[in-house]
């Protein structure tokens, strides 16, 4: 299964093994830019960004889409994806803490995807 990474984060090794892929550098930069809000967005801007992200999904034509980002953007984007036959997936991970020589390290371990 080809799962487009439509988040601001690099896919983990486990996610890549599950089929998540990141498009080329130019498209990845566009995705990150569209997902990043540094000012209070208008409703029109949210819809415009969702449409641009959807256009990227259409161009990539994946089997599914790993989504993440601002809830107000996802509220517009996710129904758009579903209405056009794309399955939006949310990554599910668990914080795993290890200790070595008295130093605790937290790592998020990908355990699967949630589709709602």
PDB file of N, CA and C in Angstrom:
ATOM      1  N   UNK A   1       0.849  -1.180   0.000  1.00  0.00           N
ATOM      2  CA  UNK A   1       0.000   0.000   0.000  1.00  0.00           C
ATOM      3  C   UNK A   1       0.896   1.246   0.000  1.00  0.00           C
ATOM      4  N   UNK A   2       0.610   2.183  -0.871  1.00  0.00           N
ATOM      5  CA  UNK A   2       1.322   3.463  -0.931  1.00  0.00           C
ATOM      6  C   UNK A   2       0.548   4.494  -0.118  1.00  0.00           C
ATOM      7  N   UNK A   3       1.177   4.994   0.934  1.00  0.00           N
ATOM      8  CA  UNK A   3       0.541   5.962   1.826  1.00  0.00           C
ATOM      9  C   UNK A   3       1.335   7.266   1.753  1.00  0.00           C
ATOM     10  N   UNK A   4       0.722   8.301   1.218  1.00  0.00           N
ATOM     11  CA  UNK A   4       1.373   9.601   1.088  1.00  0.00           C
ATOM     12  C   UNK A   4       1.518  10.268   2.452  1.00  0.00           C
ATOM     13  N   UNK A   5       2.721  10.723   2.763  1.00  0.00           N
ATOM     14  CA  UNK A   5       2.970  11.460   3.998  1.00  0.00           C
ATOM     15  C   UNK A   5       2.531  12.909   3.789  1.00  0.00           C
ATOM     16  N   UNK A   6       1.372  13.236   4.340  1.00  0.00           N
ATOM     17  CA  UNK A   6       0.835  14.590   4.228  1.00  0.00           C
ATOM     18  C   UNK A   6       0.878  15.244   5.617  1.00  0.00           C
ATOM     19  N   UNK A   7       2.076  15.201   6.215  1.00  0.00           N
ATOM     20  CA  UNK A   7       2.301  15.796   7.526  1.00  0.00           C
ATOM     21  C   UNK A   7       3.558  16.658   7.459  1.00  0.00           C
ATOM     22  N   UNK A   8       3.843  17.352   8.551  1.00  0.00           N
ATOM     23  CA  UNK A   8       5.036  18.189   8.628  1.00  0.00           C
ATOM     24  C   UNK A   8       6.263  17.402   9.082  1.00  0.00           C
ATOM     25  N   UNK A   9       6.079  16.133   9.387  1.00  0.00           N
ATOM     26  CA  UNK A   9       7.140  15.330   9.982  1.00  0.00           C
ATOM     27  C   UNK A   9       7.650  14.267   9.018  1.00  0.00           C
ATOM     28  N   UNK A  10       8.902  13.898   9.184  1.00  0.00           N
ATOM     29  CA  UNK A  10       9.445  12.791   8.414  1.00  0.00           C
ATOM     30  C   UNK A  10       8.810  11.495   8.911  1.00  0.00           C
ATOM     31  N   UNK A  11       8.541  10.589   8.004  1.00  0.00           N
ATOM     32  CA  UNK A  11       7.989   9.296   8.382  1.00  0.00           C
ATOM     33  C   UNK A  11       9.040   8.511   9.162  1.00  0.00           C
ATOM     34  N   UNK A  12       8.586   7.781  10.173  1.00  0.00           N
ATOM     35  CA  UNK A  12       9.498   6.943  10.950  1.00  0.00           C
ATOM     36  C   UNK A  12       9.850   5.692  10.126  1.00  0.00           C
ATOM     37  N   UNK A  13      10.845   4.980  10.577  1.00  0.00           N
ATOM     38  CA  UNK A  13      11.241   3.738   9.902  1.00  0.00           C
ATOM     39  C   UNK A  13      10.057   2.776   9.857  1.00  0.00           C
ATOM     40  N   UNK A  14       9.313   2.672  10.966  1.00  0.00           N
ATOM     41  CA  UNK A  14       8.158   1.775  11.015  1.00  0.00           C
ATOM     42  C   UNK A  14       7.074   2.205  10.023  1.00  0.00           C
ATOM     43  N   UNK A  15       6.876   3.513   9.894  1.00  0.00           N
ATOM     44  CA  UNK A  15       5.871   4.022   8.957  1.00  0.00           C
ATOM     45  C   UNK A  15       6.291   3.741   7.521  1.00  0.00           C
ATOM     46  N   UNK A  16       7.555   3.920   7.217  1.00  0.00           N
ATOM     47  CA  UNK A  16       8.047   3.622   5.865  1.00  0.00           C
ATOM     48  C   UNK A  16       7.850   2.147   5.561  1.00  0.00           C
ATOM     49  N   UNK A  17       8.149   1.292   6.531  1.00  0.00           N
ATOM     50  CA  UNK A  17       7.940  -0.156   6.343  1.00  0.00           C
ATOM     51  C   UNK A  17       6.468  -0.482   6.101  1.00  0.00           C
ATOM     52  N   UNK A  18       5.572   0.350   6.667  1.00  0.00           N
ATOM     53  CA  UNK A  18       4.133   0.143   6.489  1.00  0.00           C
ATOM     54  C   UNK A  18       3.622   0.716   5.170  1.00  0.00           C
ATOM     55  N   UNK A  19       4.492   1.388   4.400  1.00  0.00           N
ATOM     56  CA  UNK A  19       4.087   1.902   3.098  1.00  0.00           C
ATOM     57  C   UNK A  19       4.054   3.409   2.955  1.00  0.00           C
ATOM     58  N   UNK A  20       4.408   4.141   4.008  1.00  0.00           N
ATOM     59  CA  UNK A  20       4.399   5.608   3.933  1.00  0.00           C
ATOM     60  C   UNK A  20       5.579   6.067   3.082  1.00  0.00           C
ATOM     61  N   UNK A  21       5.289   6.984   2.182  1.00  0.00           N
ATOM     62  CA  UNK A  21       6.362   7.562   1.369  1.00  0.00           C
ATOM     63  C   UNK A  21       6.248   9.075   1.384  1.00  0.00           C
ATOM     64  N   UNK A  22       7.394   9.705   1.187  1.00  0.00           N
ATOM     65  CA  UNK A  22       7.467  11.152   1.106  1.00  0.00           C
ATOM     66  C   UNK A  22       7.742  11.518  -0.333  1.00  0.00           C
ATOM     67  N   UNK A  23       6.960  12.440  -0.898  1.00  0.00           N
ATOM     68  CA  UNK A  23       7.217  12.845  -2.282  1.00  0.00           C
ATOM     69  C   UNK A  23       8.537  13.601  -2.398  1.00  0.00           C
ATOM     70  N   UNK A  24       8.898  13.989  -3.592  1.00  0.00           N
ATOM     71  CA  UNK A  24      10.152  14.706  -3.840  1.00  0.00           C
ATOM     72  C   UNK A  24      10.271  15.974  -3.026  1.00  0.00           C
ATOM     73  N   UNK A  25      11.492  16.536  -2.985  1.00  0.00           N
ATOM     74  CA  UNK A  25      11.761  17.689  -2.130  1.00  0.00           C
ATOM     75  C   UNK A  25      10.874  18.904  -2.379  1.00  0.00           C
ATOM     76  N   UNK A  26      10.588  19.191  -3.627  1.00  0.00           N
ATOM     77  CA  UNK A  26       9.763  20.365  -3.940  1.00  0.00           C
ATOM     78  C   UNK A  26       8.334  20.177  -3.421  1.00  0.00           C
ATOM     79  N   UNK A  27       7.775  18.996  -3.641  1.00  0.00           N
ATOM     80  CA  UNK A  27       6.414  18.714  -3.173  1.00  0.00           C
ATOM     81  C   UNK A  27       6.374  18.664  -1.655  1.00  0.00           C
ATOM     82  N   UNK A  28       7.385  18.060  -1.039  1.00  0.00           N
ATOM     83  CA  UNK A  28       7.450  18.001   0.426  1.00  0.00           C
ATOM     84  C   UNK A  28       7.503  19.396   1.023  1.00  0.00           C
ATOM     85  N   UNK A  29       8.285  20.273   0.424  1.00  0.00           N
ATOM     86  CA  UNK A  29       8.372  21.655   0.906  1.00  0.00           C
ATOM     87  C   UNK A  29       7.022  22.351   0.782  1.00  0.00           C
ATOM     88  N   UNK A  30       6.318  22.102  -0.306  1.00  0.00           N
ATOM     89  CA  UNK A  30       4.990  22.703  -0.504  1.00  0.00           C
ATOM     90  C   UNK A  30       4.020  22.196   0.558  1.00  0.00           C
ATOM     91  N   UNK A  31       4.069  20.889   0.841  1.00  0.00           N
ATOM     92  CA  UNK A  31       3.188  20.307   1.864  1.00  0.00           C
ATOM     93  C   UNK A  31       3.451  20.967   3.212  1.00  0.00           C
ATOM     94  N   UNK A  32       4.712  21.043   3.602  1.00  0.00           N
ATOM     95  CA  UNK A  32       5.052  21.634   4.899  1.00  0.00           C
ATOM     96  C   UNK A  32       4.625  23.098   4.977  1.00  0.00           C
ATOM     97  N   UNK A  33       4.797  23.814   3.894  1.00  0.00           N
ATOM     98  CA  UNK A  33       4.400  25.217   3.870  1.00  0.00           C
ATOM     99  C   UNK A  33       2.887  25.362   4.013  1.00  0.00           C
ATOM    100  N   UNK A  34       2.143  24.518   3.311  1.00  0.00           N
ATOM    101  CA  UNK A  34       0.676  24.586   3.367  1.00  0.00           C
ATOM    102  C   UNK A  34       0.132  24.171   4.733  1.00  0.00           C
ATOM    103  N   UNK A  35       0.864  23.314   5.438  1.00  0.00           N
ATOM    104  CA  UNK A  35       0.427  22.847   6.751  1.00  0.00           C
ATOM    105  C   UNK A  35       0.831  23.773   7.893  1.00  0.00           C
ATOM    106  N   UNK A  36       1.715  24.728   7.618  1.00  0.00           N
ATOM    107  CA  UNK A  36       2.235  25.603   8.662  1.00  0.00           C
ATOM    108  C   UNK A  36       1.494  26.929   8.675  1.00  0.00           C
ATOM    109  N   UNK A  37       0.947  27.271   9.825  1.00  0.00           N
ATOM    110  CA  UNK A  37       0.245  28.542  10.015  1.00  0.00           C
ATOM    111  C   UNK A  37       1.006  29.366  11.038  1.00  0.00           C
ATOM    112  N   UNK A  38       1.471  30.549  10.641  1.00  0.00           N
ATOM    113  CA  UNK A  38       2.167  31.420  11.582  1.00  0.00           C
ATOM    114  C   UNK A  38       1.325  32.647  11.938  1.00  0.00           C
ATOM    115  N   UNK A  39       0.201  32.766  11.256  1.00  0.00           N
ATOM    116  CA  UNK A  39      -0.752  33.849  11.523  1.00  0.00           C
ATOM    117  C   UNK A  39      -2.144  33.227  11.633  1.00  0.00           C
ATOM    118  N   UNK A  40      -3.026  33.920  12.291  1.00  0.00           N
ATOM    119  CA  UNK A  40      -4.410  33.462  12.404  1.00  0.00           C
ATOM    120  C   UNK A  40      -5.023  33.377  11.009  1.00  0.00           C
ATOM    121  N   UNK A  41      -5.443  32.179  10.567  1.00  0.00           N
ATOM    122  CA  UNK A  41      -5.958  32.051   9.199  1.00  0.00           C
ATOM    123  C   UNK A  41      -7.440  32.410   9.090  1.00  0.00           C
ATOM    124  N   UNK A  42      -7.798  32.873   7.915  1.00  0.00           N
ATOM    125  CA  UNK A  42      -9.217  33.103   7.621  1.00  0.00           C
ATOM    126  C   UNK A  42      -9.812  31.782   7.137  1.00  0.00           C
ATOM    127  N   UNK A  43     -11.122  31.723   7.138  1.00  0.00           N
ATOM    128  CA  UNK A  43     -11.801  30.535   6.621  1.00  0.00           C
ATOM    129  C   UNK A  43     -11.439  30.311   5.161  1.00  0.00           C
ATOM    130  N   UNK A  44     -11.358  31.383   4.400  1.00  0.00           N
ATOM    131  CA  UNK A  44     -10.987  31.260   2.982  1.00  0.00           C
ATOM    132  C   UNK A  44      -9.588  30.675   2.827  1.00  0.00           C
ATOM    133  N   UNK A  45      -8.645  31.133   3.650  1.00  0.00           N
ATOM    134  CA  UNK A  45      -7.276  30.614   3.559  1.00  0.00           C
ATOM    135  C   UNK A  45      -7.230  29.125   3.896  1.00  0.00           C
ATOM    136  N   UNK A  46      -7.980  28.719   4.899  1.00  0.00           N
ATOM    137  CA  UNK A  46      -8.024  27.306   5.274  1.00  0.00           C
ATOM    138  C   UNK A  46      -8.535  26.478   4.106  1.00  0.00           C
ATOM    139  N   UNK A  47      -9.601  26.922   3.482  1.00  0.00           N
ATOM    140  CA  UNK A  47     -10.170  26.192   2.336  1.00  0.00           C
ATOM    141  C   UNK A  47      -9.209  26.184   1.146  1.00  0.00           C
ATOM    142  N   UNK A  48      -8.542  27.296   0.907  1.00  0.00           N
ATOM    143  CA  UNK A  48      -7.572  27.362  -0.196  1.00  0.00           C
ATOM    144  C   UNK A  48      -6.419  26.393   0.031  1.00  0.00           C
ATOM    145  N   UNK A  49      -5.924  26.335   1.246  1.00  0.00           N
ATOM    146  CA  UNK A  49      -4.821  25.421   1.542  1.00  0.00           C
ATOM    147  C   UNK A  49      -5.264  23.965   1.436  1.00  0.00           C
ATOM    148  N   UNK A  50      -6.464  23.675   1.911  1.00  0.00           N
ATOM    149  CA  UNK A  50      -6.982  22.312   1.799  1.00  0.00           C
ATOM    150  C   UNK A  50      -7.091  21.900   0.330  1.00  0.00           C
ATOM    151  N   UNK A  51      -7.556  22.809  -0.506  1.00  0.00           N
ATOM    152  CA  UNK A  51      -7.674  22.506  -1.936  1.00  0.00           C
ATOM    153  C   UNK A  51      -6.301  22.283  -2.572  1.00  0.00           C
ATOM    154  N   UNK A  52      -5.310  23.064  -2.175  1.00  0.00           N
ATOM    155  CA  UNK A  52      -3.955  22.883  -2.713  1.00  0.00           C
ATOM    156  C   UNK A  52      -3.356  21.559  -2.243  1.00  0.00           C
ATOM    157  N   UNK A  53      -3.597  21.199  -0.988  1.00  0.00           N
ATOM    158  CA  UNK A  53      -3.124  19.911  -0.490  1.00  0.00           C
ATOM    159  C   UNK A  53      -3.826  18.767  -1.213  1.00  0.00           C
ATOM    160  N   UNK A  54      -5.123  18.928  -1.442  1.00  0.00           N
ATOM    161  CA  UNK A  54      -5.850  17.900  -2.180  1.00  0.00           C
ATOM    162  C   UNK A  54      -5.290  17.750  -3.598  1.00  0.00           C
ATOM    163  N   UNK A  55      -4.920  18.840  -4.230  1.00  0.00           N
ATOM    164  CA  UNK A  55      -4.337  18.779  -5.579  1.00  0.00           C
ATOM    165  C   UNK A  55      -3.035  17.971  -5.553  1.00  0.00           C
ATOM    166  N   UNK A  56      -2.255  18.107  -4.494  1.00  0.00           N
ATOM    167  CA  UNK A  56      -1.031  17.313  -4.361  1.00  0.00           C
ATOM    168  C   UNK A  56      -1.388  15.836  -4.239  1.00  0.00           C
ATOM    169  N   UNK A  57      -2.396  15.533  -3.444  1.00  0.00           N
ATOM    170  CA  UNK A  57      -2.836  14.136  -3.290  1.00  0.00           C
ATOM    171  C   UNK A  57      -3.250  13.572  -4.640  1.00  0.00           C
ATOM    172  N   UNK A  58      -4.037  14.319  -5.383  1.00  0.00           N
ATOM    173  CA  UNK A  58      -4.473  13.850  -6.705  1.00  0.00           C
ATOM    174  C   UNK A  58      -3.291  13.597  -7.629  1.00  0.00           C
ATOM    175  N   UNK A  59      -2.315  14.482  -7.610  1.00  0.00           N
ATOM    176  CA  UNK A  59      -1.142  14.325  -8.468  1.00  0.00           C
ATOM    177  C   UNK A  59      -0.329  13.092  -8.067  1.00  0.00           C
ATOM    178  N   UNK A  60      -0.280  12.792  -6.780  1.00  0.00           N
ATOM    179  CA  UNK A  60       0.477  11.637  -6.285  1.00  0.00           C
ATOM    180  C   UNK A  60      -0.305  10.334  -6.454  1.00  0.00           C
ATOM    181  N   UNK A  61      -1.619  10.414  -6.366  1.00  0.00           N
ATOM    182  CA  UNK A  61      -2.517   9.262  -6.508  1.00  0.00           C
ATOM    183  C   UNK A  61      -2.149   8.075  -5.610  1.00  0.00           C
ATOM    184  N   UNK A  62      -2.055   8.310  -4.291  1.00  0.00           N
ATOM    185  CA  UNK A  62      -1.704   7.229  -3.372  1.00  0.00           C
ATOM    186  C   UNK A  62      -2.909   6.340  -3.066  1.00  0.00           C
ATOM    187  N   UNK A  63      -2.639   5.231  -2.388  1.00  0.00           N
ATOM    188  CA  UNK A  63      -3.726   4.360  -1.924  1.00  0.00           C
ATOM    189  C   UNK A  63      -4.406   4.967  -0.696  1.00  0.00           C
ATOM    190  N   UNK A  64      -3.620   5.656   0.130  1.00  0.00           N
ATOM    191  CA  UNK A  64      -4.128   6.279   1.349  1.00  0.00           C
ATOM    192  C   UNK A  64      -3.237   7.481   1.669  1.00  0.00           C
ATOM    193  N   UNK A  65      -3.667   8.273   2.656  1.00  0.00           N
ATOM    194  CA  UNK A  65      -2.957   9.500   2.991  1.00  0.00           C
ATOM    195  C   UNK A  65      -2.775   9.585   4.504  1.00  0.00           C
ATOM    196  N   UNK A  66      -1.520   9.673   4.963  1.00  0.00           N
ATOM    197  CA  UNK A  66      -1.261   9.900   6.381  1.00  0.00           C
ATOM    198  C   UNK A  66      -1.388  11.401   6.617  1.00  0.00           C
ATOM    199  N   UNK A  67      -2.379  11.786   7.428  1.00  0.00           N
ATOM    200  CA  UNK A  67      -2.654  13.200   7.653  1.00  0.00           C
ATOM    201  C   UNK A  67      -2.230  13.629   9.051  1.00  0.00           C
ATOM    202  N   UNK A  68      -1.948  14.900   9.165  1.00  0.00           N
ATOM    203  CA  UNK A  68      -1.616  15.496  10.445  1.00  0.00           C
ATOM    204  C   UNK A  68      -1.540  16.999  10.252  1.00  0.00           C
ATOM    205  N   UNK A  69      -1.712  17.723  11.328  1.00  0.00           N
ATOM    206  CA  UNK A  69      -1.649  19.172  11.229  1.00  0.00           C
ATOM    207  C   UNK A  69      -2.745  19.821  12.040  1.00  0.00           C
ATOM    208  N   UNK A  70      -2.978  21.073  11.748  1.00  0.00           N
ATOM    209  CA  UNK A  70      -3.960  21.862  12.492  1.00  0.00           C
ATOM    210  C   UNK A  70      -5.357  21.249  12.335  1.00  0.00           C
ATOM    211  N   UNK A  71      -6.050  21.025  13.449  1.00  0.00           N
ATOM    212  CA  UNK A  71      -7.390  20.428  13.368  1.00  0.00           C
ATOM    213  C   UNK A  71      -8.353  21.208  12.476  1.00  0.00           C
ATOM    214  N   UNK A  72      -8.246  22.539  12.480  1.00  0.00           N
ATOM    215  CA  UNK A  72      -9.163  23.339  11.663  1.00  0.00           C
ATOM    216  C   UNK A  72      -8.904  23.132  10.177  1.00  0.00           C
ATOM    217  N   UNK A  73      -7.689  22.791   9.791  1.00  0.00           N
ATOM    218  CA  UNK A  73      -7.396  22.469   8.388  1.00  0.00           C
ATOM    219  C   UNK A  73      -7.864  21.051   8.070  1.00  0.00           C
ATOM    220  N   UNK A  74      -7.597  20.122   8.982  1.00  0.00           N
ATOM    221  CA  UNK A  74      -8.004  18.734   8.754  1.00  0.00           C
ATOM    222  C   UNK A  74      -9.520  18.594   8.669  1.00  0.00           C
ATOM    223  N   UNK A  75     -10.232  19.460   9.373  1.00  0.00           N
ATOM    224  CA  UNK A  75     -11.699  19.414   9.333  1.00  0.00           C
ATOM    225  C   UNK A  75     -12.225  19.683   7.926  1.00  0.00           C
ATOM    226  N   UNK A  76     -11.480  20.420   7.135  1.00  0.00           N
ATOM    227  CA  UNK A  76     -11.849  20.688   5.740  1.00  0.00           C
ATOM    228  C   UNK A  76     -11.238  19.635   4.816  1.00  0.00           C
ATOM    229  N   UNK A  77      -9.975  19.300   5.042  1.00  0.00           N
ATOM    230  CA  UNK A  77      -9.251  18.404   4.147  1.00  0.00           C
ATOM    231  C   UNK A  77      -9.733  16.959   4.206  1.00  0.00           C
ATOM    232  N   UNK A  78      -9.941  16.422   5.396  1.00  0.00           N
ATOM    233  CA  UNK A  78     -10.304  15.004   5.530  1.00  0.00           C
ATOM    234  C   UNK A  78     -11.608  14.663   4.802  1.00  0.00           C
ATOM    235  N   UNK A  79     -12.683  15.441   4.963  1.00  0.00           N
ATOM    236  CA  UNK A  79     -13.895  15.117   4.198  1.00  0.00           C
ATOM    237  C   UNK A  79     -13.679  15.211   2.685  1.00  0.00           C
ATOM    238  N   UNK A  80     -12.826  16.130   2.264  1.00  0.00           N
ATOM    239  CA  UNK A  80     -12.504  16.280   0.850  1.00  0.00           C
ATOM    240  C   UNK A  80     -11.814  15.010   0.338  1.00  0.00           C
ATOM    241  N   UNK A  81     -10.889  14.488   1.124  1.00  0.00           N
ATOM    242  CA  UNK A  81     -10.198  13.251   0.748  1.00  0.00           C
ATOM    243  C   UNK A  81     -11.189  12.098   0.651  1.00  0.00           C
ATOM    244  N   UNK A  82     -11.993  11.931   1.694  1.00  0.00           N
ATOM    245  CA  UNK A  82     -12.967  10.821   1.725  1.00  0.00           C
ATOM    246  C   UNK A  82     -13.941  10.907   0.543  1.00  0.00           C
ATOM    247  N   UNK A  83     -14.440  12.099   0.272  1.00  0.00           N
ATOM    248  CA  UNK A  83     -15.432  12.287  -0.792  1.00  0.00           C
ATOM    249  C   UNK A  83     -14.878  11.898  -2.156  1.00  0.00           C
ATOM    250  N   UNK A  84     -13.550  11.897  -2.269  1.00  0.00           N
ATOM    251  CA  UNK A  84     -12.924  11.590  -3.553  1.00  0.00           C
ATOM    252  C   UNK A  84     -12.197  10.248  -3.554  1.00  0.00           C
ATOM    253  N   UNK A  85     -12.532   9.400  -2.583  1.00  0.00           N
ATOM    254  CA  UNK A  85     -12.041   8.027  -2.586  1.00  0.00           C
ATOM    255  C   UNK A  85     -10.702   7.776  -1.924  1.00  0.00           C
ATOM    256  N   UNK A  86     -10.165   8.767  -1.216  1.00  0.00           N
ATOM    257  CA  UNK A  86      -8.889   8.581  -0.525  1.00  0.00           C
ATOM    258  C   UNK A  86      -9.144   8.291   0.953  1.00  0.00           C
ATOM    259  N   UNK A  87      -8.383   7.374   1.513  1.00  0.00           N
ATOM    260  CA  UNK A  87      -8.517   7.023   2.918  1.00  0.00           C
ATOM    261  C   UNK A  87      -7.528   7.836   3.752  1.00  0.00           C
ATOM    262  N   UNK A  88      -8.037   8.717   4.624  1.00  0.00           N
ATOM    263  CA  UNK A  88      -7.144   9.450   5.513  1.00  0.00           C
ATOM    264  C   UNK A  88      -6.766   8.561   6.698  1.00  0.00           C
ATOM    265  N   UNK A  89      -5.490   8.530   7.038  1.00  0.00           N
ATOM    266  CA  UNK A  89      -4.996   7.726   8.151  1.00  0.00           C
ATOM    267  C   UNK A  89      -4.282   8.622   9.148  1.00  0.00           C
ATOM    268  N   UNK A  90      -4.522   8.356  10.421  1.00  0.00           N
ATOM    269  CA  UNK A  90      -3.834   9.064  11.493  1.00  0.00           C
ATOM    270  C   UNK A  90      -2.837   8.097  12.116  1.00  0.00           C
ATOM    271  N   UNK A  91      -1.604   8.520  12.277  1.00  0.00           N
ATOM    272  CA  UNK A  91      -0.587   7.663  12.881  1.00  0.00           C
ATOM    273  C   UNK A  91      -0.869   7.503  14.369  1.00  0.00           C
ATOM    274  N   UNK A  92      -0.693   6.283  14.860  1.00  0.00           N
ATOM    275  CA  UNK A  92      -0.822   6.003  16.280  1.00  0.00           C
ATOM    276  C   UNK A  92       0.544   5.570  16.789  1.00  0.00           C
ATOM    277  N   UNK A  93       1.032   6.267  17.807  1.00  0.00           N
ATOM    278  CA  UNK A  93       2.341   5.922  18.361  1.00  0.00           C
ATOM    279  C   UNK A  93       2.264   5.921  19.882  1.00  0.00           C
ATOM    280  N   UNK A  94       3.240   5.269  20.472  1.00  0.00           N
ATOM    281  CA  UNK A  94       3.319   5.185  21.923  1.00  0.00           C
ATOM    282  C   UNK A  94       4.701   5.661  22.351  1.00  0.00           C
ATOM    283  N   UNK A  95       4.735   6.441  23.399  1.00  0.00           N
ATOM    284  CA  UNK A  95       6.015   6.905  23.944  1.00  0.00           C
ATOM    285  C   UNK A  95       6.660   5.736  24.700  1.00  0.00           C
ATOM    286  N   UNK A  96       7.856   5.400  24.300  1.00  0.00           N
ATOM    287  CA  UNK A  96       8.614   4.339  24.953  1.00  0.00           C
ATOM    288  C   UNK A  96       9.839   4.982  25.600  1.00  0.00           C
ATOM    289  N   UNK A  97       9.981   4.788  26.905  1.00  0.00           N
ATOM    290  CA  UNK A  97      11.096   5.372  27.639  1.00  0.00           C
ATOM    291  C   UNK A  97      12.104   4.273  27.958  1.00  0.00           C
ATOM    292  N   UNK A  98      13.352   4.523  27.589  1.00  0.00           N
ATOM    293  CA  UNK A  98      14.432   3.602  27.925  1.00  0.00           C
ATOM    294  C   UNK A  98      15.425   4.333  28.816  1.00  0.00           C
ATOM    295  N   UNK A  99      16.153   3.542  29.608  1.00  0.00           N
ATOM    296  CA  UNK A  99      17.156   4.146  30.482  1.00  0.00           C
ATOM    297  C   UNK A  99      18.477   3.423  30.293  1.00  0.00           C
ATOM    298  N   UNK A 100      19.518   4.209  30.092  1.00  0.00           N
ATOM    299  CA  UNK A 100      20.858   3.660  29.929  1.00  0.00           C
ATOM    300  C   UNK A 100      21.832   4.549  30.696  1.00  0.00           C
ATOM    301  N   UNK A 101      22.561   3.948  31.603  1.00  0.00           N
ATOM    302  CA  UNK A 101      23.528   4.698  32.424  1.00  0.00           C
ATOM    303  C   UNK A 101      22.885   5.892  33.132  1.00  0.00           C
ATOM    304  N   UNK A 102      21.663   5.704  33.593  1.00  0.00           N
ATOM    305  CA  UNK A 102      20.963   6.754  34.322  1.00  0.00           C
ATOM    306  C   UNK A 102      20.334   7.828  33.460  1.00  0.00           C
ATOM    307  N   UNK A 103      20.452   7.708  32.127  1.00  0.00           N
ATOM    308  CA  UNK A 103      19.891   8.696  31.215  1.00  0.00           C
ATOM    309  C   UNK A 103      18.621   8.119  30.588  1.00  0.00           C
ATOM    310  N   UNK A 104      17.515   8.817  30.799  1.00  0.00           N
ATOM    311  CA  UNK A 104      16.244   8.378  30.209  1.00  0.00           C
ATOM    312  C   UNK A 104      16.076   9.005  28.829  1.00  0.00           C
ATOM    313  N   UNK A 105      15.625   8.195  27.888  1.00  0.00           N
ATOM    314  CA  UNK A 105      15.380   8.653  26.526  1.00  0.00           C
ATOM    315  C   UNK A 105      13.961   8.262  26.129  1.00  0.00           C
ATOM    316  N   UNK A 106      13.212   9.217  25.587  1.00  0.00           N
ATOM    317  CA  UNK A 106      11.852   8.942  25.102  1.00  0.00           C
ATOM    318  C   UNK A 106      11.866   8.855  23.589  1.00  0.00           C
ATOM    319  N   UNK A 107      11.208   7.831  23.086  1.00  0.00           N
ATOM    320  CA  UNK A 107      11.076   7.635  21.650  1.00  0.00           C
ATOM    321  C   UNK A 107       9.616   7.301  21.371  1.00  0.00           C
ATOM    322  N   UNK A 108       9.087   7.855  20.295  1.00  0.00           N
ATOM    323  CA  UNK A 108       7.730   7.505  19.900  1.00  0.00           C
ATOM    324  C   UNK A 108       7.802   6.339  18.935  1.00  0.00           C
ATOM    325  N   UNK A 109       7.134   5.241  19.282  1.00  0.00           N
ATOM    326  CA  UNK A 109       7.140   4.037  18.456  1.00  0.00           C
ATOM    327  C   UNK A 109       5.813   3.943  17.714  1.00  0.00           C
ATOM    328  N   UNK A 110       5.902   3.894  16.395  1.00  0.00           N
ATOM    329  CA  UNK A 110       4.711   3.782  15.561  1.00  0.00           C
ATOM    330  C   UNK A 110       4.086   2.402  15.752  1.00  0.00           C
ATOM    331  N   UNK A 111       2.802   2.351  16.096  1.00  0.00           N
ATOM    332  CA  UNK A 111       2.128   1.080  16.311  1.00  0.00           C
ATOM    333  C   UNK A 111       1.068   0.782  15.260  1.00  0.00           C
ATOM    334  N   UNK A 112       0.739   1.750  14.426  1.00  0.00           N
ATOM    335  CA  UNK A 112      -0.254   1.503  13.393  1.00  0.00           C
ATOM    336  C   UNK A 112      -0.962   2.785  12.994  1.00  0.00           C
ATOM    337  N   UNK A 113      -2.046   2.599  12.254  1.00  0.00           N
ATOM    338  CA  UNK A 113      -2.822   3.738  11.769  1.00  0.00           C
ATOM    339  C   UNK A 113      -4.252   3.641  12.247  1.00  0.00           C
ATOM    340  N   UNK A 114      -4.869   4.790  12.429  1.00  0.00           N
ATOM    341  CA  UNK A 114      -6.272   4.868  12.788  1.00  0.00           C
ATOM    342  C   UNK A 114      -6.998   5.499  11.617  1.00  0.00           C
ATOM    343  N   UNK A 115      -8.072   4.834  11.198  1.00  0.00           N
ATOM    344  CA  UNK A 115      -8.924   5.374  10.138  1.00  0.00           C
ATOM    345  C   UNK A 115     -10.319   5.540  10.715  1.00  0.00           C
ATOM    346  N   UNK A 116     -10.798   6.784  10.741  1.00  0.00           N
ATOM    347  CA  UNK A 116     -12.129   7.038  11.310  1.00  0.00           C
ATOM    348  C   UNK A 116     -13.030   7.718  10.305  1.00  0.00           C
TER     349      UNK A 116
END
